[in-house]
Amino acid sequence: MMDRVFQHFEGKVDALSGVAFSHAKAFIDKDGDDVVLLWLQESSGIWFRVFID
């Protein structure tokens, strides 16, 4: 099994800046309580899937 590499890094996703989301869901790592995957639903109904590496 591969180990995950964790970094302390901040960033900005310009395409999502200022977007209003109506729903958010998250997949959380059971071993470390870290969010690994986000689903964000825009008000228009479009879903964005964001993988946090």
N, C-alpha and C. Protein backbone atom coordinates (compact mmCIF):
# COMPACT_ATOMS: atom_id res chain seq x y z
N MET A 1 0.84 -1.18 0.00
CA MET A 1 0.00 0.00 0.00
C MET A 1 0.89 1.24 0.00
N MET A 2 0.49 2.23 -0.77
CA MET A 2 1.27 3.47 -0.85
C MET A 2 0.91 4.40 0.29
N ASP A 3 1.90 5.09 0.80
CA ASP A 3 1.67 6.10 1.82
C ASP A 3 1.37 7.42 1.16
N ARG A 4 0.52 8.21 1.78
CA ARG A 4 0.21 9.54 1.26
C ARG A 4 1.27 10.53 1.72
N VAL A 5 1.57 11.48 0.88
CA VAL A 5 2.49 12.55 1.22
C VAL A 5 1.65 13.77 1.55
N PHE A 6 1.82 14.32 2.74
CA PHE A 6 1.06 15.49 3.15
C PHE A 6 1.93 16.73 3.05
N GLN A 7 1.33 17.80 2.55
CA GLN A 7 2.03 19.06 2.39
C GLN A 7 1.24 20.16 3.07
N HIS A 8 1.94 21.16 3.51
CA HIS A 8 1.29 22.36 4.01
C HIS A 8 1.37 23.38 2.89
N PHE A 9 0.30 23.52 2.16
CA PHE A 9 0.31 24.38 1.00
C PHE A 9 -1.06 25.04 0.86
N GLU A 10 -1.05 26.30 0.57
CA GLU A 10 -2.30 27.01 0.34
C GLU A 10 -2.39 27.38 -1.12
N GLY A 11 -3.58 27.35 -1.65
CA GLY A 11 -3.76 27.69 -3.04
C GLY A 11 -5.13 28.25 -3.29
N LYS A 12 -5.34 28.70 -4.50
CA LYS A 12 -6.61 29.30 -4.87
C LYS A 12 -7.01 28.74 -6.23
N VAL A 13 -8.28 28.37 -6.37
CA VAL A 13 -8.81 27.91 -7.65
C VAL A 13 -9.64 29.05 -8.21
N ASP A 14 -9.07 29.78 -9.14
CA ASP A 14 -9.73 30.96 -9.70
C ASP A 14 -11.09 30.64 -10.30
N ALA A 15 -11.23 29.48 -10.93
CA ALA A 15 -12.50 29.12 -11.58
C ALA A 15 -13.64 28.98 -10.58
N LEU A 16 -13.33 28.71 -9.32
CA LEU A 16 -14.37 28.55 -8.30
C LEU A 16 -14.51 29.77 -7.40
N SER A 17 -13.68 30.75 -7.61
CA SER A 17 -13.72 31.95 -6.78
C SER A 17 -15.01 32.72 -7.00
N GLY A 18 -15.73 32.99 -5.93
CA GLY A 18 -16.96 33.76 -6.00
C GLY A 18 -18.19 32.96 -6.39
N VAL A 19 -18.06 31.65 -6.61
CA VAL A 19 -19.19 30.80 -6.99
C VAL A 19 -20.00 30.46 -5.74
N ALA A 20 -21.32 30.53 -5.84
CA ALA A 20 -22.20 30.15 -4.74
C ALA A 20 -22.57 28.68 -4.89
N PHE A 21 -22.35 27.91 -3.84
CA PHE A 21 -22.66 26.49 -3.86
C PHE A 21 -23.88 26.21 -3.00
N SER A 22 -24.75 25.33 -3.51
CA SER A 22 -25.96 25.00 -2.77
C SER A 22 -25.80 23.74 -1.93
N HIS A 23 -24.86 22.85 -2.32
CA HIS A 23 -24.62 21.62 -1.57
C HIS A 23 -23.12 21.30 -1.57
N ALA A 24 -22.70 20.64 -0.51
CA ALA A 24 -21.32 20.16 -0.43
C ALA A 24 -21.32 18.79 0.22
N LYS A 25 -20.53 17.88 -0.36
CA LYS A 25 -20.36 16.54 0.20
C LYS A 25 -18.87 16.27 0.26
N ALA A 26 -18.45 15.42 1.20
CA ALA A 26 -17.03 15.14 1.35
C ALA A 26 -16.80 13.66 1.62
N PHE A 27 -15.73 13.12 1.07
CA PHE A 27 -15.23 11.80 1.41
C PHE A 27 -14.11 12.02 2.39
N ILE A 28 -14.20 11.41 3.56
CA ILE A 28 -13.23 11.64 4.63
C ILE A 28 -12.44 10.36 4.89
N ASP A 29 -11.13 10.50 4.96
CA ASP A 29 -10.23 9.38 5.23
C ASP A 29 -10.49 8.86 6.64
N LYS A 30 -10.85 7.59 6.76
CA LYS A 30 -11.20 7.03 8.07
C LYS A 30 -10.00 6.93 9.01
N ASP A 31 -8.79 6.89 8.45
CA ASP A 31 -7.60 6.76 9.30
C ASP A 31 -7.11 8.09 9.87
N GLY A 32 -7.36 9.18 9.15
CA GLY A 32 -6.81 10.45 9.62
C GLY A 32 -7.81 11.57 9.72
N ASP A 33 -9.09 11.29 9.46
CA ASP A 33 -10.14 12.31 9.47
C ASP A 33 -9.84 13.47 8.52
N ASP A 34 -9.11 13.21 7.45
CA ASP A 34 -8.78 14.23 6.47
C ASP A 34 -9.75 14.15 5.30
N VAL A 35 -10.20 15.30 4.81
CA VAL A 35 -11.05 15.34 3.62
C VAL A 35 -10.18 15.02 2.41
N VAL A 36 -10.60 14.05 1.62
CA VAL A 36 -9.84 13.62 0.46
C VAL A 36 -10.52 14.04 -0.84
N LEU A 37 -11.85 14.04 -0.85
CA LEU A 37 -12.60 14.34 -2.05
C LEU A 37 -13.81 15.20 -1.69
N LEU A 38 -14.01 16.27 -2.46
CA LEU A 38 -15.16 17.16 -2.25
C LEU A 38 -16.05 17.15 -3.48
N TRP A 39 -17.33 17.17 -3.26
CA TRP A 39 -18.30 17.42 -4.33
C TRP A 39 -19.01 18.70 -3.97
N LEU A 40 -19.01 19.67 -4.86
CA LEU A 40 -19.64 20.96 -4.62
C LEU A 40 -20.66 21.21 -5.72
N GLN A 41 -21.90 21.51 -5.33
CA GLN A 41 -22.94 21.76 -6.32
C GLN A 41 -23.21 23.24 -6.42
N GLU A 42 -23.04 23.74 -7.63
CA GLU A 42 -23.32 25.14 -7.91
C GLU A 42 -24.84 25.35 -7.92
N SER A 43 -25.28 26.56 -7.71
CA SER A 43 -26.71 26.88 -7.68
C SER A 43 -27.44 26.44 -8.94
N SER A 44 -26.75 26.41 -10.08
CA SER A 44 -27.37 26.01 -11.35
C SER A 44 -27.53 24.49 -11.46
N GLY A 45 -26.98 23.74 -10.52
CA GLY A 45 -27.11 22.28 -10.54
C GLY A 45 -25.85 21.55 -10.98
N ILE A 46 -24.85 22.27 -11.45
CA ILE A 46 -23.59 21.65 -11.89
C ILE A 46 -22.78 21.21 -10.66
N TRP A 47 -22.28 19.97 -10.72
CA TRP A 47 -21.45 19.45 -9.64
C TRP A 47 -19.97 19.55 -10.02
N PHE A 48 -19.15 19.97 -9.07
CA PHE A 48 -17.69 20.00 -9.23
C PHE A 48 -17.11 18.94 -8.29
N ARG A 49 -16.19 18.15 -8.80
CA ARG A 49 -15.49 17.15 -7.97
C ARG A 49 -14.06 17.64 -7.79
N VAL A 50 -13.64 17.77 -6.54
CA VAL A 50 -12.33 18.31 -6.23
C VAL A 50 -11.56 17.25 -5.43
N PHE A 51 -10.46 16.76 -5.97
CA PHE A 51 -9.60 15.81 -5.27
C PHE A 51 -8.50 16.57 -4.57
N ILE A 52 -8.36 16.33 -3.30
CA ILE A 52 -7.31 16.99 -2.53
C ILE A 52 -6.16 16.02 -2.38
N ASP A 53 -5.06 16.34 -2.99
CA ASP A 53 -3.89 15.47 -3.00
C ASP A 53 -2.88 15.95 -2.01
